[in-house]
Structure formats: C-alpha cells, structure tokens
Amino acid sequence: MPLNGSTSQALLDAQLELWHTTFAYIKSMALKSALDLRIPDAIDQHGGAATLPQIASKAKLHASKIPRLRRLMRVLAATGVFIKADEHQSSCSGEPVYSLTPMSRLLVGSRSLSPITSMVLHPTFVSPFLEIGSWLQHELPDPCIFKHTHGQSLWELADRDATFDALINDGMVSDSRFIMDIVLKECGEVFQGLNSLIDVAGGLGAAAQAISKAFPDVKCSVLDLDHVVAMAPPSDTDVQYVAGDMFESVPPANAMFFKWVLHDWGHEDCVKILKNCRKAIPSRDEGGKVIIIDIVVGAGRSDLMHRDVQVFFDLYIMLVNGIERDEQQWRKIFFEAGFSDYKITPVLGFRSIIEVYP
C-alpha cells in the first residue's frame, strides 16, 4: 500500500526530489574541483572551447585520468557550469568540446570571481555546516558555529594563519572589483556631490579605489584595523588608509560606505557602528549619508534562485553569528542609531544598495 495513499509515481517523484536535494553538495564540490584544476582557465586559454585532452594537459592530469575527468565534466555540463557541444560540433578528432557559459565566464579574466568562490568552498568554511545540528542543541550564549567547529573565531584564525587570511582578502577583493563595476555603472549617482568618503572596514581598499577612479574629486579613505592597513597594496589612486576601530570611532567625512560588512554583526553591534557614523557625517542637507551594499531579504526579484541565494547567504553568515536582514530589521537598526530616513535600491542581483540619511 503506497504511503499516505500516494500513487507510485508521486512517491518516485518525491524520492527523486529527495535525492536531488541530498546530492546538492556534489554540485558545489564539482565546481570546487573545476576551480582547483583551473578548468575554466584551461578552456578560456584554448579560445573558449577545449577538448578533454586539452583540458587535462592544462590541468597537468595524467592521461589515465581522462575517463574520470569526463565524468566530472558531465556533471559540470549538467549543472550549467560548462556547455558540451553537440556531436556534429565536436572536434576533428571526434572528442567532445566544452565551452564556457555566462556563469563560468565569471571565473576567468581580470574580474574573476574564482577567489571568492574558492573561499566559500574552502573546507574551513564548509566543515562547520556539518556541525549545525549539534550546535543548535547547545544553549546560548555559546561560540558561533565557526568557533564551535574550529576552536577559534574566523578573525582569530585569520590573525594566526597568513594563508587563510590571504584566502579571505583575495575573495573580498574579487567581489569588490566585480560588484563595484556594476555599482558605478548602474548607481553612480549615489556618489555624486560627495567631497569625502570613508570605506569602513574596507579591507585592502578595492571598493574605495574603484570609487576614487570613477570620482577623482571625492577624497576616499579606508578605515580598518592596524594589521589590515599594514597590508594595503600600492595603488595608482589617492586613496588613504586609516588604522582604527569602527566600534570606537569613525573619521569625519561626507559619507560612510559599507560593502558586505554589517551582515557580519548582530543588531546591537550594528547600532553601535552606525551611531559612530552618525556622529561623523554632516546633516542630510549638507550631503551626509551612509551607503550600504548588502542583502535585503525579500527585496528585488522574486524568482526562486534569487530568493534561494538570499536565504543560503543567511545560513552561511550564521557561521560567524552574522545575519542577512529584511527591510524591517534594517529599518530598526537605522532608527535606533539616530537616522531619520533610508532608501533601498535592489539593483545588484541578490544584493541592494541602501542609502541612510541623518
């Protein structure tokens, strides 16, 4: 007798959905393997289309592994990372040809998102997800999931492990270079009329440098901790680096800028940070504001992938006790910090640009 009176086909469909969800990690691990082997670069270096032997040669794989590589590429093609050409489009040797898709084109070139994708898929970030169940069984307050798994916080590990710190910095820089091109193209008016801007917790300054190049009359500075500022690379812009702690104070400027920073922190911490910003900027009439690039859950397009990515990020940032917020949660923070108005513009895919006014 079928379960709950369901038809056999309904049961098989449900089983298929269960397995599809269960094996979702294979999709991301196949992508990780492609990045580890630099397969997108191999295809790109062959003019955007390459056979398995060509990919294997670039990846320095032994010929005996090509049949296994074929199986990996089958998954990557099935999940939209690459395109496998039809038989009549195969190479002269009869070998199938693989080419880049719009998604995998983001993994090559000067604006490559490979660094941040590799960061998210790194075992240090993946392994805490195996501990969520046991972590939830503990009473609060307790360490975040990351510390529960690794015995130290993300920031403590980054302080002690230069390789891990570089992984994070490279990831953040790649995201900044990618998203700031779009921000300046689609929302450049946000920065018009400013004479100074502080990129708060701006890391190595990729976002501030992009703003400075687009608006050379805006005096851009990066505020971050001592050890981060010490690693700032040489730049062809006039961006200044200031060592400091946003929880203590923020240097004065027309505008404060946060890219993917506030989602790392809880409600009270965000209020404290923004109160410091409120003290450091002039009135709205004088051009004072805070500019935030972050997720606003529920804002923007309503398609399934868009919504999925927003809630996936919320669970991901929970690893460090962060949170992705909906509009009402953001609003509460802004008003508690002493601001009077805000504007959300959901034009950055799953993220939005938020302008907050004193």
Protein backbone atom coordinates (compact mmCIF):
# COMPACT_ATOMS: atom_id res chain seq x y z
CA MET A 1 0.00 0.00 0.00
CA PRO A 2 1.61 3.34 -1.02
CA LEU A 3 2.48 5.72 1.80
CA ASN A 4 -0.44 8.01 2.74
CA GLY A 5 -2.35 6.79 -0.26
CA SER A 6 0.10 8.41 -2.70
CA THR A 7 0.46 6.97 -6.16
CA SER A 8 3.65 5.15 -7.08
CA GLN A 9 4.61 7.96 -9.44
CA ALA A 10 4.13 10.59 -6.72
CA LEU A 11 6.35 8.57 -4.39
CA LEU A 12 9.03 8.20 -7.05
CA ASP A 13 8.86 11.92 -7.81
CA ALA A 14 9.29 12.68 -4.10
CA GLN A 15 12.22 10.27 -3.92
CA LEU A 16 13.81 11.96 -6.94
CA GLU A 17 13.45 15.35 -5.25
CA LEU A 18 14.94 13.94 -2.04
CA TRP A 19 17.99 12.57 -3.86
CA HIS A 20 18.37 15.78 -5.86
CA THR A 21 18.50 17.76 -2.61
CA THR A 22 20.71 15.18 -0.88
CA PHE A 23 23.27 15.33 -3.67
CA ALA A 24 23.28 19.15 -3.87
CA TYR A 25 26.75 19.15 -2.31
CA ILE A 26 28.09 17.23 -5.32
CA LYS A 27 27.17 20.21 -7.49
CA SER A 28 29.26 22.61 -5.39
CA MET A 29 32.11 20.14 -4.90
CA ALA A 30 32.29 19.56 -8.65
CA LEU A 31 32.61 23.32 -9.05
CA LYS A 32 35.35 23.35 -6.41
CA SER A 33 37.20 20.65 -8.34
CA ALA A 34 36.93 22.71 -11.52
CA LEU A 35 38.47 25.68 -9.72
CA ASP A 36 41.19 23.57 -8.11
CA LEU A 37 42.12 22.22 -11.56
CA ARG A 38 41.68 25.66 -13.18
CA ILE A 39 39.40 24.16 -15.80
CA PRO A 40 37.70 27.49 -16.64
CA ASP A 41 41.15 28.98 -17.35
CA ALA A 42 42.10 25.95 -19.45
CA ILE A 43 39.02 26.37 -21.64
CA ASP A 44 39.49 30.14 -21.85
CA GLN A 45 43.13 29.76 -22.88
CA HIS A 46 42.03 27.49 -25.75
CA GLY A 47 39.90 30.27 -27.18
CA GLY A 48 36.81 29.46 -25.14
CA ALA A 49 36.40 25.84 -26.27
CA ALA A 50 38.52 22.82 -25.39
CA THR A 51 38.52 19.03 -25.59
CA LEU A 52 39.13 16.73 -22.64
CA PRO A 53 42.78 16.03 -23.62
CA GLN A 54 43.39 19.78 -23.92
CA ILE A 55 41.82 20.41 -20.52
CA ALA A 56 43.77 17.51 -19.00
CA SER A 57 47.03 18.86 -20.44
CA LYS A 58 46.46 22.35 -19.00
CA ALA A 59 45.44 20.86 -15.64
CA LYS A 60 48.54 18.62 -15.71
CA LEU A 61 46.47 15.45 -15.36
CA HIS A 62 47.79 12.03 -16.37
CA ALA A 63 46.13 10.66 -19.50
CA SER A 64 44.84 7.72 -17.46
CA LYS A 65 42.56 10.12 -15.57
CA ILE A 66 40.79 11.45 -18.67
CA PRO A 67 37.87 8.97 -18.35
CA ARG A 68 37.34 10.23 -14.77
CA LEU A 69 37.68 13.83 -15.92
CA ARG A 70 34.97 13.09 -18.50
CA ARG A 71 32.61 12.13 -15.66
CA LEU A 72 33.40 15.31 -13.74
CA MET A 73 32.80 17.39 -16.87
CA ARG A 74 29.48 15.61 -17.41
CA VAL A 75 28.31 16.86 -14.00
CA LEU A 76 29.65 20.35 -14.65
CA ALA A 77 27.85 20.47 -18.00
CA ALA A 78 24.63 19.13 -16.48
CA THR A 79 24.71 21.85 -13.81
CA GLY A 80 25.34 24.69 -16.25
CA VAL A 81 28.97 25.43 -15.45
CA PHE A 82 30.10 24.43 -18.96
CA ILE A 83 28.44 23.60 -22.27
CA LYS A 84 29.19 20.34 -24.03
CA ALA A 85 28.93 20.77 -27.80
CA ASP A 86 26.58 18.61 -29.85
CA GLU A 87 28.16 15.66 -31.67
CA HIS A 88 28.22 17.50 -35.01
CA GLN A 89 30.13 20.33 -33.32
CA SER A 90 32.81 18.08 -31.84
CA SER A 91 36.49 18.45 -32.71
CA CYS A 92 38.07 16.88 -35.77
CA SER A 93 39.32 14.07 -33.55
CA GLY A 94 35.76 13.29 -32.50
CA GLU A 95 36.42 14.48 -28.96
CA PRO A 96 33.58 16.43 -27.34
CA VAL A 97 34.26 20.14 -26.98
CA TYR A 98 33.45 22.05 -23.80
CA SER A 99 32.91 25.79 -23.70
CA LEU A 100 32.24 28.44 -21.08
CA THR A 101 28.76 29.55 -20.05
CA PRO A 102 27.85 33.03 -18.76
CA MET A 103 28.37 31.63 -15.25
CA SER A 104 31.83 30.16 -15.85
CA ARG A 105 32.93 33.26 -17.75
CA LEU A 106 32.77 34.94 -14.33
CA LEU A 107 35.58 32.59 -13.25
CA VAL A 108 38.20 33.87 -15.71
CA GLY A 109 39.83 37.19 -16.51
CA SER A 110 40.76 40.27 -14.52
CA ARG A 111 37.35 40.46 -12.82
CA SER A 112 37.26 36.75 -11.99
CA LEU A 113 35.08 35.61 -9.10
CA SER A 114 37.20 32.47 -8.67
CA PRO A 115 38.84 33.81 -5.45
CA ILE A 116 35.58 34.39 -3.58
CA THR A 117 34.05 31.17 -4.94
CA SER A 118 37.12 29.22 -3.80
CA MET A 119 36.89 30.94 -0.40
CA VAL A 120 33.26 29.93 0.13
CA LEU A 121 34.01 26.35 -0.96
CA HIS A 122 37.15 26.03 1.18
CA PRO A 123 36.97 23.17 3.72
CA THR A 124 37.42 25.66 6.57
CA PHE A 125 34.09 27.24 5.62
CA VAL A 126 32.33 24.05 4.52
CA SER A 127 33.10 21.88 7.57
CA PRO A 128 31.07 24.00 10.07
CA PHE A 129 27.91 23.11 8.17
CA LEU A 130 28.38 19.53 9.34
CA GLU A 131 28.08 20.82 12.92
CA ILE A 132 24.92 22.95 12.69
CA GLY A 133 22.72 20.25 14.22
CA SER A 134 24.94 19.72 17.26
CA TRP A 135 25.50 23.49 17.63
CA LEU A 136 21.76 24.15 17.74
CA GLN A 137 21.42 21.74 20.66
CA HIS A 138 23.60 23.99 22.84
CA GLU A 139 22.12 26.81 24.89
CA LEU A 140 23.00 30.42 24.17
CA PRO A 141 25.28 32.17 24.76
CA ASP A 142 27.85 29.93 23.16
CA PRO A 143 30.51 30.25 20.45
CA CYS A 144 29.42 30.80 16.87
CA ILE A 145 29.32 27.72 14.64
CA PHE A 146 32.73 28.54 13.17
CA LYS A 147 34.34 28.67 16.62
CA HIS A 148 32.34 25.62 17.74
CA THR A 149 33.94 23.70 14.84
CA HIS A 150 37.47 25.13 14.74
CA GLY A 151 38.04 26.20 18.34
CA GLN A 152 38.68 29.81 17.32
CA SER A 153 36.74 32.55 15.58
CA LEU A 154 37.14 33.40 11.92
CA TRP A 155 39.07 36.55 12.78
CA GLU A 156 41.31 34.73 15.29
CA LEU A 157 42.17 32.12 12.68
CA ALA A 158 42.87 34.80 10.07
CA ASP A 159 45.20 36.57 12.52
CA ARG A 160 47.19 33.36 13.09
CA ASP A 161 47.14 31.82 9.61
CA ALA A 162 48.54 34.03 6.84
CA THR A 163 47.36 31.64 4.11
CA PHE A 164 43.79 31.68 5.40
CA ASP A 165 43.93 35.46 5.79
CA ALA A 166 45.05 35.79 2.17
CA LEU A 167 42.19 33.50 1.10
CA ILE A 168 39.69 35.89 2.72
CA ASN A 169 41.35 39.07 1.43
CA ASP A 170 41.61 37.73 -2.12
CA GLY A 171 37.96 36.68 -2.00
CA MET A 172 36.77 40.06 -0.79
CA VAL A 173 38.89 41.93 -3.34
CA SER A 174 37.49 39.84 -6.20
CA ASP A 175 33.93 40.53 -5.09
CA SER A 176 34.63 44.26 -4.73
CA ARG A 177 36.15 44.53 -8.20
CA PHE A 178 33.20 42.72 -9.72
CA ILE A 179 30.33 44.44 -7.91
CA MET A 180 31.81 47.95 -7.89
CA ASP A 181 31.97 47.97 -11.70
CA ILE A 182 28.21 47.40 -11.69
CA VAL A 183 27.53 49.80 -8.80
CA LEU A 184 29.36 52.64 -10.54
CA LYS A 185 27.66 51.88 -13.86
CA GLU A 186 24.11 51.46 -12.54
CA CYS A 187 24.13 53.60 -9.35
CA GLY A 188 26.93 56.10 -9.87
CA GLU A 189 24.64 58.95 -8.86
CA VAL A 190 24.87 57.67 -5.27
CA PHE A 191 28.40 59.12 -5.10
CA GLN A 192 27.77 62.35 -6.98
CA GLY A 193 28.10 65.54 -4.96
CA LEU A 194 30.27 63.96 -2.26
CA ASN A 195 33.60 65.52 -1.35
CA SER A 196 34.79 62.76 1.01
CA LEU A 197 34.00 59.13 1.77
CA ILE A 198 35.22 56.56 4.31
CA ASP A 199 35.14 52.90 3.25
CA VAL A 200 34.53 51.44 6.72
CA ALA A 201 36.17 48.03 7.29
CA GLY A 202 37.18 48.32 3.65
CA GLY A 203 40.00 45.79 3.83
CA LEU A 204 42.60 46.25 1.11
CA GLY A 205 40.59 49.08 -0.44
CA ALA A 206 39.40 47.62 -3.75
CA ALA A 207 35.98 49.31 -3.44
CA ALA A 208 37.44 52.67 -2.39
CA GLN A 209 39.92 52.56 -5.27
CA ALA A 210 37.11 51.93 -7.75
CA ILE A 211 35.13 54.87 -6.36
CA SER A 212 38.21 57.10 -6.43
CA LYS A 213 38.92 56.29 -10.08
CA ALA A 214 35.32 57.00 -11.08
CA PHE A 215 35.06 60.14 -8.92
CA PRO A 216 38.57 61.60 -8.57
CA ASP A 217 37.21 64.69 -6.79
CA VAL A 218 35.94 62.55 -3.90
CA LYS A 219 38.55 62.12 -1.18
CA CYS A 220 38.34 58.39 -0.40
CA SER A 221 39.81 56.74 2.69
CA VAL A 222 39.75 53.19 4.03
CA LEU A 223 39.26 52.57 7.74
CA ASP A 224 40.35 49.18 9.05
CA LEU A 225 42.38 47.57 11.80
CA ASP A 226 46.15 48.12 12.08
CA HIS A 227 47.22 44.78 10.64
CA VAL A 228 44.85 45.14 7.66
CA VAL A 229 46.04 48.66 6.83
CA ALA A 230 49.63 47.41 7.03
CA MET A 231 48.89 45.02 4.13
CA ALA A 232 47.40 47.67 1.83
CA PRO A 233 48.89 47.26 -1.66
CA PRO A 234 50.36 50.10 -3.74
CA SER A 235 47.71 51.96 -5.71
CA ASP A 236 47.51 54.42 -8.60
CA THR A 237 44.79 56.35 -6.75
CA ASP A 238 44.85 58.90 -3.93
CA VAL A 239 43.04 56.56 -1.52
CA GLN A 240 44.28 56.98 2.06
CA TYR A 241 44.39 54.20 4.66
CA VAL A 242 43.49 54.92 8.27
CA ALA A 243 44.10 52.47 11.12
CA GLY A 244 41.23 52.41 13.57
CA ASP A 245 38.28 50.55 15.06
CA MET A 246 34.75 51.29 13.82
CA PHE A 247 33.42 50.29 17.25
CA GLU A 248 35.41 53.13 18.83
CA SER A 249 35.09 55.99 16.35
CA VAL A 250 34.98 56.82 12.65
CA PRO A 251 36.86 59.72 10.99
CA PRO A 252 34.64 62.55 9.70
CA ALA A 253 33.51 62.54 6.07
CA ASN A 254 30.50 63.33 3.89
CA ALA A 255 29.64 59.67 3.52
CA MET A 256 30.34 56.33 5.13
CA PHE A 257 30.47 53.27 2.89
CA PHE A 258 29.95 49.64 3.93
CA LYS A 259 30.24 46.78 1.45
CA TRP A 260 29.22 43.42 2.89
CA VAL A 261 30.29 44.43 6.40
CA LEU A 262 27.21 44.93 8.57
CA HIS A 263 25.83 41.45 7.86
CA ASP A 264 28.77 40.11 9.90
CA TRP A 265 27.45 41.76 13.05
CA GLY A 266 24.43 41.46 15.33
CA HIS A 267 21.79 44.11 15.92
CA GLU A 268 23.45 45.87 18.88
CA ASP A 269 26.85 45.95 17.19
CA CYS A 270 25.37 47.44 14.00
CA VAL A 271 23.59 50.13 16.02
CA LYS A 272 26.87 50.99 17.76
CA ILE A 273 28.79 51.18 14.48
CA LEU A 274 26.16 53.35 12.82
CA LYS A 275 25.90 55.66 15.83
CA ASN A 276 29.61 56.36 15.37
CA CYS A 277 28.95 57.04 11.70
CA ARG A 278 26.08 59.36 12.57
CA LYS A 279 28.45 61.47 14.66
CA ALA A 280 31.00 61.62 11.84
CA ILE A 281 28.81 62.83 8.96
CA PRO A 282 27.11 66.19 8.36
CA SER A 283 23.37 66.75 8.04
CA ARG A 284 21.40 65.45 5.08
CA ASP A 285 21.15 68.99 3.68
CA GLU A 286 24.95 69.10 3.67
CA GLY A 287 25.19 65.77 1.83
CA GLY A 288 25.69 63.47 4.80
CA LYS A 289 24.69 59.81 4.41
CA VAL A 290 25.70 56.20 4.86
CA ILE A 291 25.90 53.96 1.79
CA ILE A 292 25.49 50.22 2.35
CA ILE A 293 25.83 47.32 -0.09
CA ASP A 294 24.26 44.26 1.46
CA ILE A 295 21.39 41.81 1.18
CA VAL A 296 17.86 42.95 1.96
CA VAL A 297 15.98 39.66 2.24
CA GLY A 298 12.82 39.83 0.14
CA ALA A 299 13.95 42.82 -1.93
CA GLY A 300 14.47 42.60 -5.66
CA ARG A 301 13.33 39.86 -8.00
CA SER A 302 11.01 37.16 -6.71
CA ASP A 303 12.29 34.20 -8.75
CA LEU A 304 13.28 31.05 -6.88
CA MET A 305 17.04 31.29 -7.48
CA HIS A 306 17.14 34.89 -6.25
CA ARG A 307 15.28 34.01 -3.06
CA ASP A 308 17.30 30.82 -2.52
CA VAL A 309 20.62 32.67 -2.70
CA GLN A 310 19.44 35.24 -0.16
CA VAL A 311 18.44 32.62 2.42
CA PHE A 312 21.52 30.49 1.65
CA PHE A 313 23.67 33.51 2.47
CA ASP A 314 21.76 33.97 5.72
CA LEU A 315 22.63 30.44 6.83
CA TYR A 316 26.20 30.89 5.58
CA ILE A 317 26.77 34.11 7.54
CA MET A 318 25.29 32.46 10.64
CA LEU A 319 28.63 30.62 10.82
CA VAL A 320 30.12 33.81 12.31
CA ASN A 321 26.94 34.92 14.13
CA GLY A 322 26.05 37.25 11.28
CA ILE A 323 22.61 37.71 9.76
CA GLU A 324 21.03 38.73 6.46
CA ARG A 325 18.19 41.14 7.24
CA ASP A 326 14.84 42.04 5.73
CA GLU A 327 13.77 45.66 5.38
CA GLN A 328 12.12 45.86 8.80
CA GLN A 329 15.26 44.58 10.53
CA TRP A 330 17.40 47.15 8.70
CA ARG A 331 14.88 49.90 9.47
CA LYS A 332 15.01 49.15 13.20
CA ILE A 333 18.81 49.42 13.21
CA PHE A 334 18.82 52.69 11.27
CA PHE A 335 16.31 54.42 13.51
CA GLU A 336 17.89 53.15 16.73
CA ALA A 337 21.21 54.56 15.51
CA GLY A 338 19.66 58.01 15.13
CA PHE A 339 18.97 58.14 11.40
CA SER A 340 15.72 59.56 10.03
CA ASP A 341 15.27 58.03 6.58
CA TYR A 342 16.62 55.45 4.15
CA LYS A 343 16.27 54.33 0.54
CA ILE A 344 16.69 50.76 -0.73
CA THR A 345 17.54 50.22 -4.40
CA PRO A 346 17.56 46.49 -5.31
CA VAL A 347 19.61 46.66 -8.50
CA LEU A 348 22.60 44.47 -7.57
CA GLY A 349 21.20 40.99 -8.15
CA PHE A 350 20.57 39.39 -4.77
CA ARG A 351 22.04 42.46 -3.04
CA SER A 352 20.79 46.03 -2.72
CA ILE A 353 22.32 49.44 -2.31
CA ILE A 354 20.94 51.27 0.73
CA GLU A 355 21.29 55.00 1.38
CA VAL A 356 20.73 56.02 5.01
CA TYR A 357 20.18 59.66 5.92
CA PRO A 358 20.64 61.56 9.21
